[in-house]
Amino acid sequence: MDNKNQLKKQTILSTLSLFFQSGYSAVLGFAANLVLTILLSPQIFGIYFTVLSIIAILNYFSDIGLAASLIQKKEIEDKEISTVFTVQQILILIVVVIGFFASPFIVSFYKLPVEGKFLYQALLISFFLSSLKTIPSIFLERKIQFQKIVFVQIIENTTFYLFVIILALMGWGLKSFTVAVILRSLIGVIVIYSISFWKPQFGIDIISLKRLLSFGVPFQMSSFLALLKDDLLTLYLGRVLGFQALGYIGWAKKWAESPIRIIMDSLSRILFPLFSRFQKEKGRLSRLIEKTIYYQSSLIIPATLGLALIMGKMVQLIPRYSKWESALPLFYLFCLSSLFSSYSTPFMNLLNGVGKVKVTFYFMVGWTIATWILTPILTKFLGTYGFPVTLVILSSSFLLVQRETKKIVPFLFLKNIVPFVFSGLMMGVVVFFLTKFFVFNLPFLLIPVVGGIMTYILSLTLIFKINLIEEVRLLFR
C-alpha cells in the first residue's frame, strides 16, 4: 500500500511539475514569440523552422530506441546502461560529423544565408551536448521524478528565450537563435548532472544490446516514421512553397498546437513509464486510460476552442501583428487537427507501454504513406492549405487507434468526452458573442476569456453535475 501511495504521489507531483513547466514555457514562449514576430520577418522564421527540421532528422539517427527500452524494462542492469550510452554516443558522433561535412550542401540546397549556416552548426553542437543528458534523464523517468527534469527544462527554456529576446532587441536577427541554443544546451548538461549524477561508462554487452533492440528498433522506427511524416515534410514544404509560406505554416501550427504541447506532451511523458509499470494489470490500465481521456478532454477541448475564437482579435489588436492575418485560416485547420490527434496520444502510449510496439509501428507506416501521398497532391491544388487539410484528414484516424486499443484493454470513450464537448460548445457561443461585441483593445480580451471559463464551469456543474474543483480534490486525496 505504501508503494502504491508513493507511486501515486510521484505521479501527481510529476504531472503537476510538467504542467507547470509547460505553462511556464508557454508564457515565456508567448512573450518571446510576441517580441520575435514583431521584430523578425516571416522569412527568418521560415529559415529557423527549416533548420530545426534538419536537426530533428539527424536526431532520429542518433538513437535506435535504446533509451525507450531502458524506460520500458521492469529492471535494468549496469551493463545495459553502459551499452545504451556507448552505442548512442557512437551514433551521435557519426551523425554530427556527417552533419558538419554536409553544411555546404545544406546551405546550397536551401539557399541559406551565412547566419543560417551558423545556426545549423550551432544546433549540431547543441544536439551532441543534449545527448549527454540521456542517462541521467532515464534514471529520473524510471522513478517518475519528472519534477527534477522539469527544473532543468525551466532553466534551459529561460536561458534560451531570455537570450533570444535580448539579442533580437539588439538587432542580431537570426544570430540570436544561434547563441541561445548553445547556451541552453551547455547549462542544461551542467544542471542535470548536478541533480542526477552519473559517471559515464563505456562498454557494449552484445546480449544486452540484442535484448534492448527487440523493443527499441520497432519503437525507434515509429519515431523515424514520425520524422518522415513531420520534419522531412517541413523541408519539402520549405522547398516547394518558399520560406515565407513556411513561416505562415510554422506560426499557425505552433499556436494551434500550444494546448496539446502544454497538456498532452506533459501527460505523454508520464503515461509511457506508468503504462509500462502496470503492463500486466488490465484493470488498472483500464481505469488509467479512462482517467486520462477524462482529464485531457476537460482541458484540451476548452483550451483549443477558446484559443481559436480569440486569435483573430489578437492578430488585429497586437501592434505590428497584422502581418500574420493571412495565416489565420491555416491556424483554424491546425486547431482541428491537433484536437483530433491529441486522442491518439494516450492510446499509442498504452500500446507501447504493454509492449505492442509493432502495432504502433504499423499505424505510423500508414500515416506516413498517407501524408506523403496526400500532401503533395493537395499542395498542388490548395497551395499552403494542402498540408493542414492533410493533417485534418489523417488526425481523424484516432478512432482506429482507439478501436485497436480496446482489443487489449476495455474502456469507455464517449462517456468521458461528451460532457466536455457540450460544455465547450456552450462556452464557444459565449466567447464568440463577447469577442464580437465587447473587445476593443487588448485588456478587453479578458472579458471573453473570463466569461468563457465561467460558462464552461457552470455548464459542467449544472448540466452534468461535474465539479472540477471537487475532481481535483479527490485526485489529491
Protein backbone atom coordinates (compact mmCIF):
# COMPACT_ATOMS: atom_id res chain seq x y z
CA MET A 1 0.00 0.00 0.00
CA ASP A 2 2.87 2.33 0.83
CA ASN A 3 4.42 1.69 -2.58
CA LYS A 4 1.08 2.38 -4.27
CA ASN A 5 0.65 5.67 -2.39
CA GLN A 6 4.25 6.62 -3.09
CA LEU A 7 3.76 5.95 -6.80
CA LYS A 8 0.54 7.97 -6.83
CA LYS A 9 2.28 10.83 -5.04
CA GLN A 10 5.19 10.78 -7.51
CA THR A 11 2.78 10.58 -10.47
CA ILE A 12 0.72 13.57 -9.31
CA LEU A 13 3.82 15.58 -8.41
CA SER A 14 5.42 14.76 -11.76
CA THR A 15 2.23 15.63 -13.66
CA LEU A 16 1.85 18.96 -11.88
CA SER A 17 5.53 19.73 -12.41
CA LEU A 18 5.25 19.01 -16.13
CA PHE A 19 2.12 21.14 -16.39
CA PHE A 20 3.87 23.95 -14.55
CA GLN A 21 6.88 23.64 -16.84
CA SER A 22 4.65 23.59 -19.91
CA GLY A 23 2.66 26.55 -18.64
CA TYR A 24 5.80 28.45 -17.71
CA SER A 25 7.39 27.71 -21.08
CA ALA A 26 4.16 28.67 -22.83
CA VAL A 27 4.03 32.05 -21.07
CA LEU A 28 7.73 32.60 -21.69
CA GLY A 29 7.34 31.39 -25.27
CA PHE A 30 4.32 33.63 -25.75
CA ALA A 31 6.32 36.68 -24.63
CA ALA A 32 9.27 35.68 -26.82
CA ASN A 33 7.01 34.84 -29.76
CA LEU A 34 5.35 38.22 -29.46
CA VAL A 35 8.67 40.08 -29.44
CA LEU A 36 10.25 37.96 -32.17
CA THR A 37 7.27 38.00 -34.53
CA ILE A 38 7.17 41.78 -34.19
CA LEU A 39 10.91 42.24 -34.72
CA LEU A 40 11.66 39.45 -37.20
CA SER A 41 10.23 38.72 -40.64
CA PRO A 42 8.26 35.59 -41.67
CA GLN A 43 11.26 34.65 -43.83
CA ILE A 44 13.60 34.44 -40.80
CA PHE A 45 11.04 32.27 -39.02
CA GLY A 46 10.85 30.08 -42.11
CA ILE A 47 14.65 29.61 -42.05
CA TYR A 48 14.56 28.80 -38.32
CA PHE A 49 11.85 26.15 -38.76
CA THR A 50 13.71 24.64 -41.71
CA VAL A 51 17.00 24.32 -39.80
CA LEU A 52 15.20 22.86 -36.77
CA SER A 53 13.68 20.21 -39.03
CA ILE A 54 17.11 19.30 -40.43
CA ILE A 55 18.44 18.77 -36.90
CA ALA A 56 15.33 16.77 -35.98
CA ILE A 57 16.11 14.45 -38.89
CA LEU A 58 19.65 13.93 -37.61
CA ASN A 59 18.29 13.28 -34.11
CA TYR A 60 16.40 10.20 -35.25
CA PHE A 61 19.61 8.63 -36.49
CA SER A 62 21.26 9.15 -33.11
CA ASP A 63 19.13 6.61 -31.27
CA ILE A 64 17.74 3.20 -32.11
CA GLY A 65 15.16 3.12 -29.35
CA LEU A 66 17.61 2.07 -26.65
CA ALA A 67 16.62 4.84 -24.22
CA ALA A 68 12.94 3.85 -24.52
CA SER A 69 13.93 0.22 -23.92
CA LEU A 70 15.54 1.14 -20.59
CA ILE A 71 12.41 3.05 -19.53
CA GLN A 72 10.06 0.22 -20.56
CA LYS A 73 12.01 -2.55 -18.74
CA LYS A 74 10.98 -3.60 -15.23
CA GLU A 75 14.59 -3.78 -14.00
CA ILE A 76 17.84 -2.58 -15.58
CA GLU A 77 21.49 -3.60 -15.11
CA ASP A 78 24.70 -1.53 -15.21
CA LYS A 79 25.88 -3.29 -18.37
CA GLU A 80 22.64 -2.30 -20.11
CA ILE A 81 23.14 1.33 -19.11
CA SER A 82 26.74 1.46 -20.36
CA THR A 83 25.69 -0.31 -23.57
CA VAL A 84 22.98 2.27 -24.28
CA PHE A 85 25.29 5.21 -23.55
CA THR A 86 28.17 3.85 -25.65
CA VAL A 87 26.07 2.93 -28.68
CA GLN A 88 24.20 6.23 -28.55
CA GLN A 89 27.38 8.31 -28.37
CA ILE A 90 28.95 6.44 -31.29
CA LEU A 91 25.86 7.09 -33.39
CA ILE A 92 25.68 10.74 -32.37
CA LEU A 93 29.32 11.44 -33.18
CA ILE A 94 28.87 9.84 -36.61
CA VAL A 95 25.76 11.93 -37.25
CA VAL A 96 27.39 15.18 -36.08
CA VAL A 97 30.48 14.65 -38.22
CA ILE A 98 28.33 13.87 -41.27
CA GLY A 99 26.20 16.91 -40.42
CA PHE A 100 29.22 19.24 -40.44
CA PHE A 101 30.54 17.83 -43.70
CA ALA A 102 27.07 18.28 -45.21
CA SER A 103 26.99 22.00 -44.33
CA PRO A 104 27.86 23.25 -47.87
CA PHE A 105 25.17 21.06 -49.41
CA ILE A 106 22.52 22.18 -46.87
CA VAL A 107 23.39 25.84 -47.40
CA SER A 108 23.32 25.49 -51.19
CA PHE A 109 20.14 23.39 -51.36
CA TYR A 110 18.07 25.72 -49.16
CA LYS A 111 19.89 28.91 -50.18
CA LEU A 112 20.60 29.71 -46.54
CA PRO A 113 22.36 32.97 -45.63
CA VAL A 114 25.63 32.84 -43.66
CA GLU A 115 23.65 33.27 -40.41
CA GLY A 116 21.57 30.23 -41.37
CA LYS A 117 24.74 28.13 -41.76
CA PHE A 118 25.99 29.17 -38.30
CA LEU A 119 22.59 28.36 -36.78
CA TYR A 120 22.66 24.90 -38.38
CA GLN A 121 26.14 24.19 -36.99
CA ALA A 122 25.22 25.55 -33.56
CA LEU A 123 22.26 23.17 -33.46
CA LEU A 124 24.60 20.28 -34.30
CA ILE A 125 26.76 21.16 -31.30
CA SER A 126 23.65 21.56 -29.15
CA PHE A 127 22.45 18.18 -30.38
CA PHE A 128 25.64 16.49 -29.14
CA LEU A 129 25.52 18.24 -25.75
CA SER A 130 21.88 17.30 -25.23
CA SER A 131 22.69 13.61 -25.82
CA LEU A 132 24.84 13.63 -22.66
CA LYS A 133 21.66 14.17 -20.62
CA THR A 134 20.02 10.89 -21.75
CA ILE A 135 21.10 8.51 -18.97
CA PRO A 136 20.53 10.93 -16.03
CA SER A 137 17.08 11.65 -17.51
CA ILE A 138 16.27 7.94 -17.82
CA PHE A 139 17.04 7.41 -14.11
CA LEU A 140 14.60 10.16 -13.18
CA GLU A 141 11.88 8.97 -15.59
CA ARG A 142 12.01 5.41 -14.24
CA LYS A 143 11.46 6.79 -10.75
CA ILE A 144 8.60 9.01 -12.06
CA GLN A 145 10.56 12.02 -10.75
CA PHE A 146 9.75 14.37 -13.60
CA GLN A 147 9.77 17.37 -11.28
CA LYS A 148 13.58 17.25 -11.36
CA ILE A 149 13.65 17.02 -15.16
CA VAL A 150 11.21 19.93 -15.21
CA PHE A 151 13.58 22.04 -13.13
CA VAL A 152 16.30 21.51 -15.74
CA GLN A 153 13.93 22.33 -18.60
CA ILE A 154 12.77 25.53 -16.91
CA ILE A 155 16.37 26.71 -16.62
CA GLU A 156 17.05 25.73 -20.24
CA ASN A 157 13.95 27.46 -21.60
CA THR A 158 14.55 30.59 -19.53
CA THR A 159 18.10 30.79 -20.84
CA PHE A 160 17.01 30.25 -24.43
CA TYR A 161 14.11 32.69 -24.55
CA LEU A 162 15.86 35.35 -22.49
CA PHE A 163 18.88 35.45 -24.77
CA VAL A 164 16.77 35.23 -27.95
CA ILE A 165 14.69 38.23 -26.86
CA ILE A 166 17.68 40.30 -25.69
CA LEU A 167 19.74 39.62 -28.80
CA ALA A 168 16.77 40.18 -31.14
CA LEU A 169 16.17 43.55 -29.50
CA MET A 170 19.84 44.32 -30.11
CA GLY A 171 19.31 43.61 -33.81
CA TRP A 172 21.09 40.26 -34.05
CA GLY A 173 18.31 38.71 -36.15
CA LEU A 174 18.88 35.01 -36.90
CA LYS A 175 22.14 35.05 -34.90
CA SER A 176 20.11 35.46 -31.70
CA PHE A 177 18.87 31.86 -32.13
CA THR A 178 22.44 30.62 -32.73
CA VAL A 179 23.81 31.96 -29.45
CA ALA A 180 20.73 30.94 -27.45
CA VAL A 181 20.71 27.26 -28.49
CA ILE A 182 24.38 26.79 -27.49
CA LEU A 183 23.90 28.42 -24.08
CA ARG A 184 20.73 26.41 -23.43
CA SER A 185 22.48 23.09 -24.09
CA LEU A 186 25.58 23.87 -22.02
CA ILE A 187 23.58 24.96 -19.00
CA GLY A 188 21.20 22.01 -19.33
CA VAL A 189 24.03 19.44 -19.17
CA ILE A 190 25.60 21.09 -16.12
CA VAL A 191 22.32 21.29 -14.20
CA ILE A 192 21.04 17.75 -14.85
CA TYR A 193 24.35 16.17 -13.81
CA SER A 194 24.21 18.16 -10.57
CA ILE A 195 20.74 16.70 -9.89
CA SER A 196 21.07 13.14 -11.22
CA PHE A 197 24.78 12.45 -11.34
CA TRP A 198 26.02 9.53 -13.37
CA LYS A 199 29.63 8.78 -14.19
CA PRO A 200 29.74 7.97 -17.91
CA GLN A 201 30.73 4.34 -18.51
CA PHE A 202 31.70 2.85 -21.83
CA GLY A 203 31.22 -0.71 -22.97
CA ILE A 204 28.94 -2.81 -25.16
CA ASP A 205 27.37 -6.05 -23.96
CA ILE A 206 26.11 -7.87 -27.07
CA ILE A 207 23.48 -9.96 -25.24
CA SER A 208 22.05 -6.85 -23.54
CA LEU A 209 22.14 -4.95 -26.82
CA LYS A 210 20.12 -7.65 -28.64
CA ARG A 211 17.56 -7.75 -25.84
CA LEU A 212 17.17 -3.97 -25.81
CA LEU A 213 16.93 -3.78 -29.60
CA SER A 214 13.98 -6.20 -29.68
CA PHE A 215 11.83 -3.39 -28.25
CA GLY A 216 13.96 -0.43 -29.29
CA VAL A 217 14.11 -0.94 -33.04
CA PRO A 218 10.32 -1.06 -33.69
CA PHE A 219 9.89 1.84 -31.24
CA GLN A 220 12.52 3.95 -32.99
CA MET A 221 11.19 3.00 -36.40
CA SER A 222 7.86 4.52 -35.35
CA SER A 223 9.72 7.67 -34.32
CA PHE A 224 11.62 7.67 -37.59
CA LEU A 225 8.35 7.45 -39.49
CA ALA A 226 7.11 10.41 -37.46
CA LEU A 227 10.19 12.21 -38.74
CA LEU A 228 9.32 11.37 -42.35
CA LYS A 229 5.74 12.42 -41.70
CA ASP A 230 6.50 15.74 -39.99
CA ASP A 231 10.02 17.17 -40.07
CA LEU A 232 11.07 15.92 -43.51
CA LEU A 233 7.75 17.22 -44.82
CA THR A 234 8.63 20.65 -43.41
CA LEU A 235 11.77 20.62 -45.52
CA TYR A 236 9.71 19.63 -48.57
CA LEU A 237 7.23 22.46 -47.96
CA GLY A 238 10.06 24.96 -47.47
CA ARG A 239 11.45 23.96 -50.84
CA VAL A 240 8.09 23.92 -52.67
CA LEU A 241 6.27 26.86 -51.06
CA GLY A 242 9.19 29.08 -50.01
CA PHE A 243 10.28 30.39 -46.61
CA GLN A 244 7.53 33.00 -46.28
CA ALA A 245 4.72 30.47 -46.79
CA LEU A 246 6.53 28.07 -44.44
CA GLY A 247 6.76 30.90 -41.91
CA TYR A 248 2.96 31.25 -42.03
CA ILE A 249 2.51 27.49 -41.65
CA GLY A 250 5.01 27.37 -38.78
CA TRP A 251 3.33 30.28 -36.99
CA ALA A 252 -0.16 28.77 -37.38
CA LYS A 253 0.92 25.27 -36.36
CA LYS A 254 2.89 26.48 -33.34
CA TRP A 255 -0.06 28.47 -31.96
CA ALA A 256 -2.70 25.84 -32.78
CA GLU A 257 -0.74 23.06 -31.12
CA SER A 258 0.14 25.03 -27.99
CA PRO A 259 -2.68 23.46 -25.89
CA ILE A 260 -1.63 19.90 -26.76
CA ARG A 261 2.04 20.80 -26.33
CA ILE A 262 1.27 22.02 -22.81
CA ILE A 263 -1.18 19.27 -21.85
CA MET A 264 -0.51 16.13 -23.92
CA ASP A 265 3.27 16.41 -24.04
CA SER A 266 3.25 16.52 -20.25
CA LEU A 267 0.85 13.58 -19.94
CA SER A 268 2.68 11.51 -22.56
CA ARG A 269 5.99 11.67 -20.75
CA ILE A 270 4.38 10.20 -17.64
CA LEU A 271 1.97 7.78 -19.33
CA PHE A 272 4.59 5.68 -21.10
CA PRO A 273 6.59 4.71 -17.96
CA LEU A 274 3.32 4.44 -16.00
CA PHE A 275 1.66 2.10 -18.53
CA SER A 276 4.91 0.13 -18.60
CA ARG A 277 4.80 -0.24 -14.81
CA PHE A 278 1.24 -1.68 -14.94
CA GLN A 279 1.57 -3.61 -18.21
CA LYS A 280 0.32 -6.87 -16.63
CA GLU A 281 -2.64 -5.31 -14.76
CA LYS A 282 -5.53 -4.80 -17.21
CA GLY A 283 -7.93 -3.46 -14.58
CA ARG A 284 -5.52 -0.71 -13.62
CA LEU A 285 -4.74 0.08 -17.23
CA SER A 286 -8.44 0.39 -17.99
CA ARG A 287 -9.01 2.86 -15.15
CA LEU A 288 -5.87 4.79 -16.05
CA ILE A 289 -6.77 5.24 -19.74
CA GLU A 290 -10.31 6.36 -18.84
CA LYS A 291 -8.99 8.92 -16.37
CA THR A 292 -6.51 10.14 -18.98
CA ILE A 293 -9.26 10.65 -21.59
CA TYR A 294 -11.47 12.35 -19.00
CA TYR A 295 -8.90 14.84 -17.74
CA GLN A 296 -7.33 15.62 -21.10
CA SER A 297 -10.81 16.33 -22.54
CA SER A 298 -11.64 18.65 -19.66
CA LEU A 299 -8.58 20.77 -20.51
CA ILE A 300 -7.85 20.43 -24.23
CA ILE A 301 -11.36 20.97 -25.62
CA PRO A 302 -11.98 24.38 -23.97
CA ALA A 303 -8.35 25.48 -24.42
CA THR A 304 -8.29 24.75 -28.17
CA LEU A 305 -11.74 26.18 -28.84
CA GLY A 306 -11.08 29.30 -26.78
CA LEU A 307 -7.75 29.94 -28.50
CA ALA A 308 -9.37 29.57 -31.93
CA LEU A 309 -12.06 32.10 -31.02
CA ILE A 310 -9.78 34.85 -29.69
CA MET A 311 -6.83 34.51 -32.07
CA GLY A 312 -8.42 36.70 -34.75
CA LYS A 313 -8.76 39.56 -32.26
CA MET A 314 -5.21 39.07 -31.00
CA VAL A 315 -3.85 39.45 -34.53
CA GLN A 316 -5.88 42.64 -35.01
CA LEU A 317 -5.02 44.23 -31.67
CA ILE A 318 -1.35 43.37 -31.08
CA PRO A 319 0.87 46.06 -32.65
CA ARG A 320 2.56 45.03 -35.91
CA TYR A 321 0.93 41.60 -35.69
CA SER A 322 -1.44 42.05 -38.62
CA LYS A 323 1.21 40.54 -40.93
CA TRP A 324 0.10 37.13 -39.60
CA GLU A 325 -3.56 37.62 -40.56
CA SER A 326 -3.00 35.63 -43.76
CA ALA A 327 -2.12 32.61 -41.61
CA LEU A 328 -5.41 32.57 -39.64
CA PRO A 329 -7.26 30.08 -41.92
CA LEU A 330 -4.25 27.75 -41.59
CA PHE A 331 -4.38 28.21 -37.84
CA TYR A 332 -8.05 27.12 -37.64
CA LEU A 333 -7.32 23.95 -39.63
CA PHE A 334 -4.36 23.10 -37.41
CA CYS A 335 -6.57 23.62 -34.32
CA LEU A 336 -8.98 20.96 -35.58
CA SER A 337 -6.23 18.50 -36.47
CA SER A 338 -4.41 18.99 -33.15
CA LEU A 339 -7.63 18.35 -31.20
CA PHE A 340 -8.25 15.08 -33.07
CA SER A 341 -4.64 13.92 -32.88
CA SER A 342 -4.49 14.52 -29.12
CA TYR A 343 -6.72 11.47 -28.69
CA SER A 344 -4.26 9.20 -30.49
CA THR A 345 -1.52 10.02 -27.98
CA PRO A 346 -2.71 8.13 -24.86
CA PHE A 347 -3.67 5.07 -26.91
CA MET A 348 -0.28 4.94 -28.61
CA ASN A 349 1.42 5.29 -25.22
CA LEU A 350 -0.65 2.44 -23.80
CA LEU A 351 0.16 0.17 -26.74
CA ASN A 352 3.88 0.93 -26.39
CA GLY A 353 3.75 0.54 -22.63
CA VAL A 354 2.31 -3.00 -22.83
CA GLY A 355 4.87 -3.97 -25.46
CA LYS A 356 2.63 -3.77 -28.55
CA VAL A 357 5.23 -1.66 -30.31
CA LYS A 358 4.64 -3.37 -33.66
CA VAL A 359 1.02 -2.21 -33.66
CA THR A 360 2.05 1.44 -33.21
CA PHE A 361 4.68 0.93 -35.89
CA TYR A 362 2.01 -0.20 -38.38
CA PHE A 363 -0.07 2.88 -37.60
CA MET A 364 2.94 5.11 -38.22
CA VAL A 365 3.62 3.37 -41.54
CA GLY A 366 0.04 4.07 -42.65
CA TRP A 367 0.11 7.71 -41.52
CA THR A 368 3.49 8.34 -43.16
CA ILE A 369 2.48 6.87 -46.52
CA ALA A 370 -0.85 8.74 -46.48
CA THR A 371 0.88 12.02 -45.55
CA TRP A 372 3.35 11.80 -48.40
CA ILE A 373 0.62 10.87 -50.88
CA LEU A 374 -1.92 13.50 -49.82
CA THR A 375 0.34 16.48 -49.04
CA PRO A 376 1.97 16.89 -52.49
CA ILE A 377 -1.39 16.34 -54.23
CA LEU A 378 -3.33 18.76 -52.02
CA THR A 379 -0.46 21.28 -52.01
CA LYS A 380 -0.58 21.31 -55.80
CA PHE A 381 -4.30 22.16 -55.77
CA LEU A 382 -4.67 24.08 -52.49
CA GLY A 383 -1.21 25.66 -52.04
CA THR A 384 -0.44 26.44 -48.39
CA TYR A 385 -3.75 24.83 -47.34
CA GLY A 386 -2.69 21.40 -48.63
CA PHE A 387 -0.65 20.42 -45.57
CA PRO A 388 -3.16 21.44 -42.85
CA VAL A 389 -6.05 19.81 -44.76
CA THR A 390 -3.98 16.61 -44.91
CA LEU A 391 -3.46 16.73 -41.13
CA VAL A 392 -7.19 17.17 -40.51
CA ILE A 393 -7.94 14.08 -42.62
CA LEU A 394 -5.28 11.91 -41.00
CA SER A 395 -5.85 13.05 -37.41
CA SER A 396 -9.45 11.77 -37.60
CA SER A 397 -7.97 8.26 -37.72
CA PHE A 398 -7.61 8.40 -33.92
CA LEU A 399 -10.81 6.36 -33.97
CA LEU A 400 -8.89 3.45 -35.49
CA VAL A 401 -6.20 3.68 -32.78
CA GLN A 402 -8.93 3.69 -30.15
CA ARG A 403 -10.54 0.57 -31.65
CA GLU A 404 -7.20 -1.26 -31.68
CA THR A 405 -6.50 -0.32 -28.05
CA LYS A 406 -9.91 -1.68 -26.97
CA LYS A 407 -8.85 -5.12 -28.19
CA ILE A 408 -6.23 -5.12 -25.43
CA VAL A 409 -7.82 -3.06 -22.65
CA PRO A 410 -11.59 -2.41 -22.31
CA PHE A 411 -12.56 1.21 -21.62
CA LEU A 412 -15.34 3.78 -22.21
CA PHE A 413 -14.56 6.63 -24.58
CA LEU A 414 -17.67 8.71 -25.38
CA LYS A 415 -18.80 8.79 -21.77
CA ASN A 416 -15.57 10.57 -20.86
CA ILE A 417 -15.69 13.26 -23.55
CA VAL A 418 -19.38 14.15 -24.14
CA PRO A 419 -19.76 16.50 -21.11
CA PHE A 420 -16.70 18.50 -22.15
CA VAL A 421 -17.67 18.68 -25.83
CA PHE A 422 -21.12 20.01 -24.95
CA SER A 423 -19.85 22.48 -22.32
CA GLY A 424 -17.07 23.55 -24.69
CA LEU A 425 -19.61 24.38 -27.40
CA MET A 426 -21.68 26.42 -24.93
CA MET A 427 -18.51 28.23 -23.89
CA GLY A 428 -17.72 28.84 -27.57
CA VAL A 429 -21.05 30.58 -28.18
CA VAL A 430 -20.48 32.92 -25.24
CA VAL A 431 -16.85 33.68 -26.21
CA PHE A 432 -17.84 34.34 -29.82
CA PHE A 433 -20.54 36.80 -28.76
CA LEU A 434 -18.36 38.61 -26.21
CA THR A 435 -15.39 38.80 -28.61
CA LYS A 436 -17.54 40.24 -31.38
CA PHE A 437 -19.24 42.97 -29.38
CA PHE A 438 -17.14 43.75 -26.29
CA VAL A 439 -13.47 43.63 -27.28
CA PHE A 440 -11.96 46.95 -28.40
CA ASN A 441 -8.35 46.62 -27.19
CA LEU A 442 -6.06 44.03 -25.62
CA PRO A 443 -7.17 44.43 -21.96
CA PHE A 444 -10.78 43.83 -23.05
CA LEU A 445 -9.79 40.31 -24.19
CA LEU A 446 -10.13 39.35 -20.53
CA ILE A 447 -13.91 39.71 -20.85
CA PRO A 448 -14.45 36.76 -23.26
CA VAL A 449 -11.74 34.71 -21.51
CA VAL A 450 -13.32 35.05 -18.06
CA GLY A 451 -16.84 34.73 -19.49
CA GLY A 452 -15.88 31.55 -21.35
CA ILE A 453 -14.30 29.92 -18.30
CA MET A 454 -17.35 30.71 -16.14
CA THR A 455 -19.74 29.36 -18.78
CA TYR A 456 -17.73 26.16 -19.12
CA ILE A 457 -17.59 25.51 -15.37
CA LEU A 458 -21.27 26.33 -14.86
CA SER A 459 -22.32 24.05 -17.72
CA LEU A 460 -20.36 21.15 -16.29
CA THR A 461 -21.70 21.78 -12.78
CA LEU A 462 -25.38 22.40 -13.56
CA ILE A 463 -25.96 20.05 -16.51
CA PHE A 464 -23.52 17.18 -15.92
CA LYS A 465 -23.04 17.52 -12.15
CA ILE A 466 -19.26 17.66 -12.65
CA ASN A 467 -17.49 19.81 -10.08
CA LEU A 468 -13.96 20.36 -11.41
CA ILE A 469 -12.72 21.72 -8.09
CA GLU A 470 -14.03 18.61 -6.31
CA GLU A 471 -12.47 16.44 -9.01
CA VAL A 472 -9.06 17.95 -8.30
CA ARG A 473 -9.56 17.50 -4.54
CA LEU A 474 -10.43 13.82 -4.99
CA LEU A 475 -7.43 13.33 -7.22
CA PHE A 476 -5.12 14.52 -4.46
CA ARG A 477 -6.89 12.66 -1.65
